[in-house]
Amino acid sequence: MVDNRAYIRKNKNKRDGKKDPDLNGSGKINGVEMWVSGWFDEDTDRDGQPVVDEHGKQQKVISLTFKPKEQQGSAPQASESVPPHGDEDEWGL
């Protein structure tokens, strides 16, 4: 795997009603193999107000976490405490 690069894809094992990541994959950061998890979310400013585009539509973001593979021992657990996620259809995944 190329250093300082990660690959993520749609989580095919996502369970309804759980905080499972919308996306998962792996990467290498500064020589360390990592598990990568991602959640769709809606962008907010520092005051918690929605960030909207010129048409008044709230902006979407992907929130990512990285965990060293050797620390984890295996693939990341399906559920983790994470921010709520938004509508993944907008991303076309």
PDB file of N, CA and C in Angstrom:
ATOM      1  N   MET A   1       0.849  -1.183   0.000  1.00  0.00           N
ATOM      2  CA  MET A   1       0.000   0.000   0.000  1.00  0.00           C
ATOM      3  C   MET A   1       0.891   1.242   0.000  1.00  0.00           C
ATOM      4  N   VAL A   2       0.505   2.220  -0.774  1.00  0.00           N
ATOM      5  CA  VAL A   2       1.253   3.460  -0.878  1.00  0.00           C
ATOM      6  C   VAL A   2       1.091   4.268   0.408  1.00  0.00           C
ATOM      7  N   ASP A   3       2.193   4.845   0.894  1.00  0.00           N
ATOM      8  CA  ASP A   3       2.156   5.622   2.134  1.00  0.00           C
ATOM      9  C   ASP A   3       1.335   6.902   1.961  1.00  0.00           C
ATOM     10  N   ASN A   4       0.678   7.307   3.041  1.00  0.00           N
ATOM     11  CA  ASN A   4      -0.149   8.520   3.099  1.00  0.00           C
ATOM     12  C   ASN A   4      -1.292   8.503   2.092  1.00  0.00           C
ATOM     13  N   ARG A   5      -1.904   7.323   1.966  1.00  0.00           N
ATOM     14  CA  ARG A   5      -3.053   7.155   1.091  1.00  0.00           C
ATOM     15  C   ARG A   5      -4.018   6.174   1.752  1.00  0.00           C
ATOM     16  N   ALA A   6      -5.307   6.399   1.550  1.00  0.00           N
ATOM     17  CA  ALA A   6      -6.330   5.499   2.095  1.00  0.00           C
ATOM     18  C   ALA A   6      -7.408   5.275   1.049  1.00  0.00           C
ATOM     19  N   TYR A   7      -8.079   4.145   1.154  1.00  0.00           N
ATOM     20  CA  TYR A   7      -9.174   3.794   0.258  1.00  0.00           C
ATOM     21  C   TYR A   7     -10.383   3.425   1.101  1.00  0.00           C
ATOM     22  N   ILE A   8     -11.524   3.997   0.775  1.00  0.00           N
ATOM     23  CA  ILE A   8     -12.755   3.661   1.489  1.00  0.00           C
ATOM     24  C   ILE A   8     -13.845   3.352   0.478  1.00  0.00           C
ATOM     25  N   ARG A   9     -14.789   2.538   0.916  1.00  0.00           N
ATOM     26  CA  ARG A   9     -15.928   2.177   0.056  1.00  0.00           C
ATOM     27  C   ARG A   9     -17.155   2.021   0.934  1.00  0.00           C
ATOM     28  N   LYS A  10     -18.293   1.905   0.305  1.00  0.00           N
ATOM     29  CA  LYS A  10     -19.554   1.754   1.025  1.00  0.00           C
ATOM     30  C   LYS A  10     -19.491   0.517   1.920  1.00  0.00           C
ATOM     31  N   ASN A  11     -19.928   0.674   3.168  1.00  0.00           N
ATOM     32  CA  ASN A  11     -19.950  -0.420   4.133  1.00  0.00           C
ATOM     33  C   ASN A  11     -21.129  -1.336   3.816  1.00  0.00           C
ATOM     34  N   LYS A  12     -20.855  -2.512   3.281  1.00  0.00           N
ATOM     35  CA  LYS A  12     -21.921  -3.452   2.916  1.00  0.00           C
ATOM     36  C   LYS A  12     -22.500  -4.165   4.132  1.00  0.00           C
ATOM     37  N   ASN A  13     -21.857  -4.029   5.288  1.00  0.00           N
ATOM     38  CA  ASN A  13     -22.320  -4.690   6.513  1.00  0.00           C
ATOM     39  C   ASN A  13     -23.012  -3.726   7.473  1.00  0.00           C
ATOM     40  N   LYS A  14     -23.334  -2.517   7.011  1.00  0.00           N
ATOM     41  CA  LYS A  14     -23.990  -1.521   7.862  1.00  0.00           C
ATOM     42  C   LYS A  14     -25.354  -2.043   8.313  1.00  0.00           C
ATOM     43  N   ARG A  15     -25.605  -1.933   9.628  1.00  0.00           N
ATOM     44  CA  ARG A  15     -26.874  -2.408  10.198  1.00  0.00           C
ATOM     45  C   ARG A  15     -27.808  -1.229  10.429  1.00  0.00           C
ATOM     46  N   ASP A  16     -29.082  -1.387  10.061  1.00  0.00           N
ATOM     47  CA  ASP A  16     -30.073  -0.335  10.263  1.00  0.00           C
ATOM     48  C   ASP A  16     -30.191  -0.005  11.746  1.00  0.00           C
ATOM     49  N   GLY A  17     -30.291   1.285  12.046  1.00  0.00           N
ATOM     50  CA  GLY A  17     -30.500   1.729  13.408  1.00  0.00           C
ATOM     51  C   GLY A  17     -29.255   1.698  14.278  1.00  0.00           C
ATOM     52  N   LYS A  18     -28.101   1.350  13.722  1.00  0.00           N
ATOM     53  CA  LYS A  18     -26.847   1.306  14.485  1.00  0.00           C
ATOM     54  C   LYS A  18     -25.947   2.446  14.043  1.00  0.00           C
ATOM     55  N   LYS A  19     -24.887   2.687  14.793  1.00  0.00           N
ATOM     56  CA  LYS A  19     -23.943   3.747  14.458  1.00  0.00           C
ATOM     57  C   LYS A  19     -22.769   3.229  13.637  1.00  0.00           C
ATOM     58  N   ASP A  20     -23.027   2.177  12.875  1.00  0.00           N
ATOM     59  CA  ASP A  20     -21.988   1.619  12.017  1.00  0.00           C
ATOM     60  C   ASP A  20     -21.531   2.667  11.005  1.00  0.00           C
ATOM     61  N   PRO A  21     -20.268   2.598  10.586  1.00  0.00           N
ATOM     62  CA  PRO A  21     -19.803   3.561   9.582  1.00  0.00           C
ATOM     63  C   PRO A  21     -20.501   3.346   8.241  1.00  0.00           C
ATOM     64  N   ASP A  22     -20.701   4.453   7.524  1.00  0.00           N
ATOM     65  CA  ASP A  22     -21.272   4.393   6.185  1.00  0.00           C
ATOM     66  C   ASP A  22     -20.223   3.888   5.193  1.00  0.00           C
ATOM     67  N   LEU A  23     -18.958   4.158   5.492  1.00  0.00           N
ATOM     68  CA  LEU A  23     -17.837   3.798   4.629  1.00  0.00           C
ATOM     69  C   LEU A  23     -16.772   3.114   5.478  1.00  0.00           C
ATOM     70  N   ASN A  24     -15.996   2.207   4.871  1.00  0.00           N
ATOM     71  CA  ASN A  24     -14.858   1.639   5.584  1.00  0.00           C
ATOM     72  C   ASN A  24     -13.787   1.241   4.584  1.00  0.00           C
ATOM     73  N   GLY A  25     -12.581   1.065   5.099  1.00  0.00           N
ATOM     74  CA  GLY A  25     -11.463   0.695   4.252  1.00  0.00           C
ATOM     75  C   GLY A  25     -10.183   0.703   5.046  1.00  0.00           C
ATOM     76  N   SER A  26      -9.080   0.918   4.343  1.00  0.00           N
ATOM     77  CA  SER A  26      -7.782   0.916   5.017  1.00  0.00           C
ATOM     78  C   SER A  26      -6.847   1.880   4.314  1.00  0.00           C
ATOM     79  N   GLY A  27      -5.731   2.148   4.976  1.00  0.00           N
ATOM     80  CA  GLY A  27      -4.731   3.043   4.421  1.00  0.00           C
ATOM     81  C   GLY A  27      -3.429   2.919   5.166  1.00  0.00           C
ATOM     82  N   LYS A  28      -2.474   3.737   4.766  1.00  0.00           N
ATOM     83  CA  LYS A  28      -1.179   3.783   5.432  1.00  0.00           C
ATOM     84  C   LYS A  28      -0.841   5.249   5.639  1.00  0.00           C
ATOM     85  N   ILE A  29      -0.598   5.634   6.891  1.00  0.00           N
ATOM     86  CA  ILE A  29      -0.270   7.011   7.228  1.00  0.00           C
ATOM     87  C   ILE A  29       1.064   7.015   7.954  1.00  0.00           C
ATOM     88  N   ASN A  30       2.040   7.724   7.377  1.00  0.00           N
ATOM     89  CA  ASN A  30       3.397   7.785   7.931  1.00  0.00           C
ATOM     90  C   ASN A  30       3.937   6.396   8.250  1.00  0.00           C
ATOM     91  N   GLY A  31       3.687   5.438   7.345  1.00  0.00           N
ATOM     92  CA  GLY A  31       4.210   4.098   7.486  1.00  0.00           C
ATOM     93  C   GLY A  31       3.397   3.165   8.365  1.00  0.00           C
ATOM     94  N   VAL A  32       2.297   3.651   8.946  1.00  0.00           N
ATOM     95  CA  VAL A  32       1.472   2.841   9.841  1.00  0.00           C
ATOM     96  C   VAL A  32       0.203   2.410   9.112  1.00  0.00           C
ATOM     97  N   GLU A  33      -0.039   1.090   9.038  1.00  0.00           N
ATOM     98  CA  GLU A  33      -1.268   0.562   8.432  1.00  0.00           C
ATOM     99  C   GLU A  33      -2.457   0.925   9.320  1.00  0.00           C
ATOM    100  N   MET A  34      -3.519   1.466   8.726  1.00  0.00           N
ATOM    101  CA  MET A  34      -4.679   1.953   9.473  1.00  0.00           C
ATOM    102  C   MET A  34      -5.975   1.390   8.911  1.00  0.00           C
ATOM    103  N   TRP A  35      -6.975   1.223   9.803  1.00  0.00           N
ATOM    104  CA  TRP A  35      -8.366   1.004   9.406  1.00  0.00           C
ATOM    105  C   TRP A  35      -8.984   2.383   9.301  1.00  0.00           C
ATOM    106  N   VAL A  36      -9.793   2.610   8.275  1.00  0.00           N
ATOM    107  CA  VAL A  36     -10.449   3.899   8.068  1.00  0.00           C
ATOM    108  C   VAL A  36     -11.959   3.681   8.068  1.00  0.00           C
ATOM    109  N   SER A  37     -12.671   4.498   8.845  1.00  0.00           N
ATOM    110  CA  SER A  37     -14.132   4.458   8.892  1.00  0.00           C
ATOM    111  C   SER A  37     -14.657   5.856   8.595  1.00  0.00           C
ATOM    112  N   GLY A  38     -15.793   5.943   7.889  1.00  0.00           N
ATOM    113  CA  GLY A  38     -16.359   7.240   7.539  1.00  0.00           C
ATOM    114  C   GLY A  38     -17.864   7.271   7.716  1.00  0.00           C
ATOM    115  N   TRP A  39     -18.356   8.436   8.117  1.00  0.00           N
ATOM    116  CA  TRP A  39     -19.791   8.652   8.323  1.00  0.00           C
ATOM    117  C   TRP A  39     -20.221   9.895   7.561  1.00  0.00           C
ATOM    118  N   PHE A  40     -21.349   9.801   6.869  1.00  0.00           N
ATOM    119  CA  PHE A  40     -21.939  10.967   6.214  1.00  0.00           C
ATOM    120  C   PHE A  40     -22.535  11.865   7.285  1.00  0.00           C
ATOM    121  N   ASP A  41     -22.372  13.160   7.121  1.00  0.00           N
ATOM    122  CA  ASP A  41     -22.875  14.112   8.104  1.00  0.00           C
ATOM    123  C   ASP A  41     -23.243  15.409   7.382  1.00  0.00           C
ATOM    124  N   GLU A  42     -23.934  16.284   8.081  1.00  0.00           N
ATOM    125  CA  GLU A  42     -24.259  17.600   7.538  1.00  0.00           C
ATOM    126  C   GLU A  42     -23.375  18.626   8.220  1.00  0.00           C
ATOM    127  N   ASP A  43     -22.827  19.547   7.436  1.00  0.00           N
ATOM    128  CA  ASP A  43     -21.869  20.527   7.922  1.00  0.00           C
ATOM    129  C   ASP A  43     -22.544  21.586   8.792  1.00  0.00           C
ATOM    130  N   THR A  44     -21.889  21.917   9.904  1.00  0.00           N
ATOM    131  CA  THR A  44     -22.348  22.993  10.782  1.00  0.00           C
ATOM    132  C   THR A  44     -21.167  23.884  11.125  1.00  0.00           C
ATOM    133  N   ASP A  45     -21.462  25.139  11.474  1.00  0.00           N
ATOM    134  CA  ASP A  45     -20.392  26.051  11.868  1.00  0.00           C
ATOM    135  C   ASP A  45     -20.086  25.882  13.358  1.00  0.00           C
ATOM    136  N   ARG A  46     -19.218  26.712  13.895  1.00  0.00           N
ATOM    137  CA  ARG A  46     -18.801  26.601  15.304  1.00  0.00           C
ATOM    138  C   ARG A  46     -19.944  26.790  16.285  1.00  0.00           C
ATOM    139  N   ASP A  47     -20.994  27.462  15.847  1.00  0.00           N
ATOM    140  CA  ASP A  47     -22.159  27.687  16.713  1.00  0.00           C
ATOM    141  C   ASP A  47     -23.227  26.617  16.530  1.00  0.00           C
ATOM    142  N   GLY A  48     -22.936  25.609  15.717  1.00  0.00           N
ATOM    143  CA  GLY A  48     -23.895  24.534  15.483  1.00  0.00           C
ATOM    144  C   GLY A  48     -24.949  24.854  14.447  1.00  0.00           C
ATOM    145  N   GLN A  49     -24.775  25.972  13.745  1.00  0.00           N
ATOM    146  CA  GLN A  49     -25.733  26.356  12.706  1.00  0.00           C
ATOM    147  C   GLN A  49     -25.375  25.679  11.384  1.00  0.00           C
ATOM    148  N   PRO A  50     -26.373  25.285  10.601  1.00  0.00           N
ATOM    149  CA  PRO A  50     -26.102  24.620   9.314  1.00  0.00           C
ATOM    150  C   PRO A  50     -25.298  25.507   8.368  1.00  0.00           C
ATOM    151  N   VAL A  51     -24.364  24.913   7.645  1.00  0.00           N
ATOM    152  CA  VAL A  51     -23.631  25.591   6.587  1.00  0.00           C
ATOM    153  C   VAL A  51     -24.367  25.262   5.296  1.00  0.00           C
ATOM    154  N   VAL A  52     -24.842  26.311   4.609  1.00  0.00           N
ATOM    155  CA  VAL A  52     -25.647  26.110   3.409  1.00  0.00           C
ATOM    156  C   VAL A  52     -24.943  26.679   2.183  1.00  0.00           C
ATOM    157  N   ASP A  53     -25.306  26.153   1.006  1.00  0.00           N
ATOM    158  CA  ASP A  53     -24.747  26.668  -0.246  1.00  0.00           C
ATOM    159  C   ASP A  53     -25.579  27.845  -0.736  1.00  0.00           C
ATOM    160  N   GLU A  54     -25.257  28.329  -1.941  1.00  0.00           N
ATOM    161  CA  GLU A  54     -25.937  29.504  -2.487  1.00  0.00           C
ATOM    162  C   GLU A  54     -27.416  29.269  -2.769  1.00  0.00           C
ATOM    163  N   HIS A  55     -27.852  27.992  -2.747  1.00  0.00           N
ATOM    164  CA  HIS A  55     -29.253  27.653  -2.983  1.00  0.00           C
ATOM    165  C   HIS A  55     -29.992  27.345  -1.686  1.00  0.00           C
ATOM    166  N   GLY A  56     -29.310  27.509  -0.554  1.00  0.00           N
ATOM    167  CA  GLY A  56     -29.931  27.265   0.738  1.00  0.00           C
ATOM    168  C   GLY A  56     -29.914  25.810   1.175  1.00  0.00           C
ATOM    169  N   LYS A  57     -29.198  24.962   0.446  1.00  0.00           N
ATOM    170  CA  LYS A  57     -29.128  23.545   0.782  1.00  0.00           C
ATOM    171  C   LYS A  57     -27.944  23.290   1.714  1.00  0.00           C
ATOM    172  N   GLN A  58     -28.195  22.523   2.788  1.00  0.00           N
ATOM    173  CA  GLN A  58     -27.137  22.256   3.760  1.00  0.00           C
ATOM    174  C   GLN A  58     -26.023  21.420   3.131  1.00  0.00           C
ATOM    175  N   GLN A  59     -24.786  21.830   3.395  1.00  0.00           N
ATOM    176  CA  GLN A  59     -23.615  21.145   2.860  1.00  0.00           C
ATOM    177  C   GLN A  59     -23.398  19.803   3.542  1.00  0.00           C
ATOM    178  N   LYS A  60     -22.861  18.836   2.804  1.00  0.00           N
ATOM    179  CA  LYS A  60     -22.571  17.505   3.324  1.00  0.00           C
ATOM    180  C   LYS A  60     -21.064  17.361   3.535  1.00  0.00           C
ATOM    181  N   VAL A  61     -20.690  16.556   4.515  1.00  0.00           N
ATOM    182  CA  VAL A  61     -19.293  16.250   4.789  1.00  0.00           C
ATOM    183  C   VAL A  61     -19.176  14.759   5.096  1.00  0.00           C
ATOM    184  N   ILE A  62     -17.953  14.261   5.103  1.00  0.00           N
ATOM    185  CA  ILE A  62     -17.672  12.906   5.557  1.00  0.00           C
ATOM    186  C   ILE A  62     -16.725  13.027   6.740  1.00  0.00           C
ATOM    187  N   SER A  63     -17.130  12.476   7.876  1.00  0.00           N
ATOM    188  CA  SER A  63     -16.313  12.450   9.083  1.00  0.00           C
ATOM    189  C   SER A  63     -15.533  11.140   9.086  1.00  0.00           C
ATOM    190  N   LEU A  64     -14.200  11.204   9.259  1.00  0.00           N
ATOM    191  CA  LEU A  64     -13.354  10.021   9.195  1.00  0.00           C
ATOM    192  C   LEU A  64     -12.671   9.737  10.533  1.00  0.00           C
ATOM    193  N   THR A  65     -12.458   8.447  10.806  1.00  0.00           N
ATOM    194  CA  THR A  65     -11.611   8.032  11.926  1.00  0.00           C
ATOM    195  C   THR A  65     -10.556   7.078  11.387  1.00  0.00           C
ATOM    196  N   PHE A  66      -9.397   7.078  12.039  1.00  0.00           N
ATOM    197  CA  PHE A  66      -8.287   6.217  11.677  1.00  0.00           C
ATOM    198  C   PHE A  66      -7.837   5.464  12.916  1.00  0.00           C
ATOM    199  N   LYS A  67      -7.665   4.133  12.796  1.00  0.00           N
ATOM    200  CA  LYS A  67      -7.199   3.306  13.908  1.00  0.00           C
ATOM    201  C   LYS A  67      -6.095   2.398  13.405  1.00  0.00           C
ATOM    202  N   PRO A  68      -4.961   2.373  14.110  1.00  0.00           N
ATOM    203  CA  PRO A  68      -3.874   1.478  13.685  1.00  0.00           C
ATOM    204  C   PRO A  68      -4.342   0.028  13.657  1.00  0.00           C
ATOM    205  N   LYS A  69      -3.991  -0.693  12.599  1.00  0.00           N
ATOM    206  CA  LYS A  69      -4.393  -2.091  12.469  1.00  0.00           C
ATOM    207  C   LYS A  69      -3.788  -2.950  13.573  1.00  0.00           C
ATOM    208  N   GLU A  70      -2.531  -2.736  13.920  1.00  0.00           N
ATOM    209  CA  GLU A  70      -1.899  -3.578  14.928  1.00  0.00           C
ATOM    210  C   GLU A  70      -2.492  -3.347  16.309  1.00  0.00           C
ATOM    211  N   GLN A  71      -2.957  -2.140  16.602  1.00  0.00           N
ATOM    212  CA  GLN A  71      -3.612  -1.845  17.884  1.00  0.00           C
ATOM    213  C   GLN A  71      -4.971  -2.520  17.945  1.00  0.00           C
ATOM    214  N   GLN A  72      -5.692  -2.499  16.845  1.00  0.00           N
ATOM    215  CA  GLN A  72      -7.040  -3.058  16.772  1.00  0.00           C
ATOM    216  C   GLN A  72      -6.994  -4.580  16.769  1.00  0.00           C
ATOM    217  N   GLY A  73      -5.999  -5.145  16.089  1.00  0.00           N
ATOM    218  CA  GLY A  73      -5.874  -6.583  16.017  1.00  0.00           C
ATOM    219  C   GLY A  73      -6.665  -7.210  14.888  1.00  0.00           C
ATOM    220  N   SER A  74      -7.773  -6.623  14.509  1.00  0.00           N
ATOM    221  CA  SER A  74      -8.606  -7.125  13.420  1.00  0.00           C
ATOM    222  C   SER A  74      -9.386  -5.969  12.843  1.00  0.00           C
ATOM    223  N   ALA A  75     -10.308  -6.266  11.967  1.00  0.00           N
ATOM    224  CA  ALA A  75     -11.132  -5.222  11.355  1.00  0.00           C
ATOM    225  C   ALA A  75     -11.871  -4.434  12.423  1.00  0.00           C
ATOM    226  N   PRO A  76     -12.147  -3.150  12.181  1.00  0.00           N
ATOM    227  CA  PRO A  76     -12.837  -2.333  13.182  1.00  0.00           C
ATOM    228  C   PRO A  76     -14.202  -2.905  13.542  1.00  0.00           C
ATOM    229  N   GLN A  77     -14.610  -2.673  14.775  1.00  0.00           N
ATOM    230  CA  GLN A  77     -15.924  -3.121  15.224  1.00  0.00           C
ATOM    231  C   GLN A  77     -16.998  -2.376  14.459  1.00  0.00           C
ATOM    232  N   ALA A  78     -18.140  -3.008  14.277  1.00  0.00           N
ATOM    233  CA  ALA A  78     -19.223  -2.425  13.488  1.00  0.00           C
ATOM    234  C   ALA A  78     -19.800  -1.179  14.136  1.00  0.00           C
ATOM    235  N   SER A  79     -19.911  -1.155  15.455  1.00  0.00           N
ATOM    236  CA  SER A  79     -20.521   0.009  16.101  1.00  0.00           C
ATOM    237  C   SER A  79     -19.486   0.762  16.917  1.00  0.00           C
ATOM    238  N   GLU A  80     -19.530   2.074  16.810  1.00  0.00           N
ATOM    239  CA  GLU A  80     -18.657   2.955  17.545  1.00  0.00           C
ATOM    240  C   GLU A  80     -19.444   4.210  17.864  1.00  0.00           C
ATOM    241  N   SER A  81     -19.009   4.951  18.879  1.00  0.00           N
ATOM    242  CA  SER A  81     -19.667   6.200  19.218  1.00  0.00           C
ATOM    243  C   SER A  81     -19.199   7.263  18.236  1.00  0.00           C
ATOM    244  N   VAL A  82     -20.116   7.749  17.397  1.00  0.00           N
ATOM    245  CA  VAL A  82     -19.773   8.697  16.347  1.00  0.00           C
ATOM    246  C   VAL A  82     -20.881   9.716  16.193  1.00  0.00           C
ATOM    247  N   PRO A  83     -20.596  10.805  15.487  1.00  0.00           N
ATOM    248  CA  PRO A  83     -21.653  11.781  15.228  1.00  0.00           C
ATOM    249  C   PRO A  83     -22.734  11.185  14.340  1.00  0.00           C
ATOM    250  N   PRO A  84     -23.956  11.713  14.396  1.00  0.00           N
ATOM    251  CA  PRO A  84     -25.019  11.197  13.540  1.00  0.00           C
ATOM    252  C   PRO A  84     -24.658  11.396  12.077  1.00  0.00           C
ATOM    253  N   HIS A  85     -25.246  10.591  11.218  1.00  0.00           N
ATOM    254  CA  HIS A  85     -24.944  10.698   9.800  1.00  0.00           C
ATOM    255  C   HIS A  85     -26.192  11.104   9.036  1.00  0.00           C
ATOM    256  N   GLY A  86     -25.958  11.686   7.861  1.00  0.00           N
ATOM    257  CA  GLY A  86     -27.060  12.190   7.043  1.00  0.00           C
ATOM    258  C   GLY A  86     -27.437  11.220   5.940  1.00  0.00           C
ATOM    259  N   ASP A  87     -28.006  11.738   4.881  1.00  0.00           N
ATOM    260  CA  ASP A  87     -28.522  10.940   3.772  1.00  0.00           C
ATOM    261  C   ASP A  87     -27.405  10.585   2.805  1.00  0.00           C
ATOM    262  N   GLU A  88     -27.057   9.307   2.717  1.00  0.00           N
ATOM    263  CA  GLU A  88     -25.956   8.886   1.878  1.00  0.00           C
ATOM    264  C   GLU A  88     -26.296   8.915   0.392  1.00  0.00           C
ATOM    265  N   ASP A  89     -27.572   8.968   0.023  1.00  0.00           N
ATOM    266  CA  ASP A  89     -27.956   8.967  -1.383  1.00  0.00           C
ATOM    267  C   ASP A  89     -27.380  10.160  -2.132  1.00  0.00           C
ATOM    268  N   GLU A  90     -27.215  11.278  -1.453  1.00  0.00           N
ATOM    269  CA  GLU A  90     -26.678  12.477  -2.095  1.00  0.00           C
ATOM    270  C   GLU A  90     -25.267  12.242  -2.615  1.00  0.00           C
ATOM    271  N   TRP A  91     -24.554  11.305  -2.029  1.00  0.00           N
ATOM    272  CA  TRP A  91     -23.180  11.021  -2.428  1.00  0.00           C
ATOM    273  C   TRP A  91     -23.132  10.046  -3.602  1.00  0.00           C
ATOM    274  N   GLY A  92     -24.264   9.466  -3.958  1.00  0.00           N
ATOM    275  CA  GLY A  92     -24.300   8.546  -5.075  1.00  0.00           C
ATOM    276  C   GLY A  92     -23.641   7.210  -4.783  1.00  0.00           C
ATOM    277  N   LEU A  93     -23.622   6.815  -3.521  1.00  0.00           N
ATOM    278  CA  LEU A  93     -22.998   5.537  -3.153  1.00  0.00           C
ATOM    279  C   LEU A  93     -24.043   4.493  -2.858  1.00  0.00           C
TER     280      LEU A  93
END
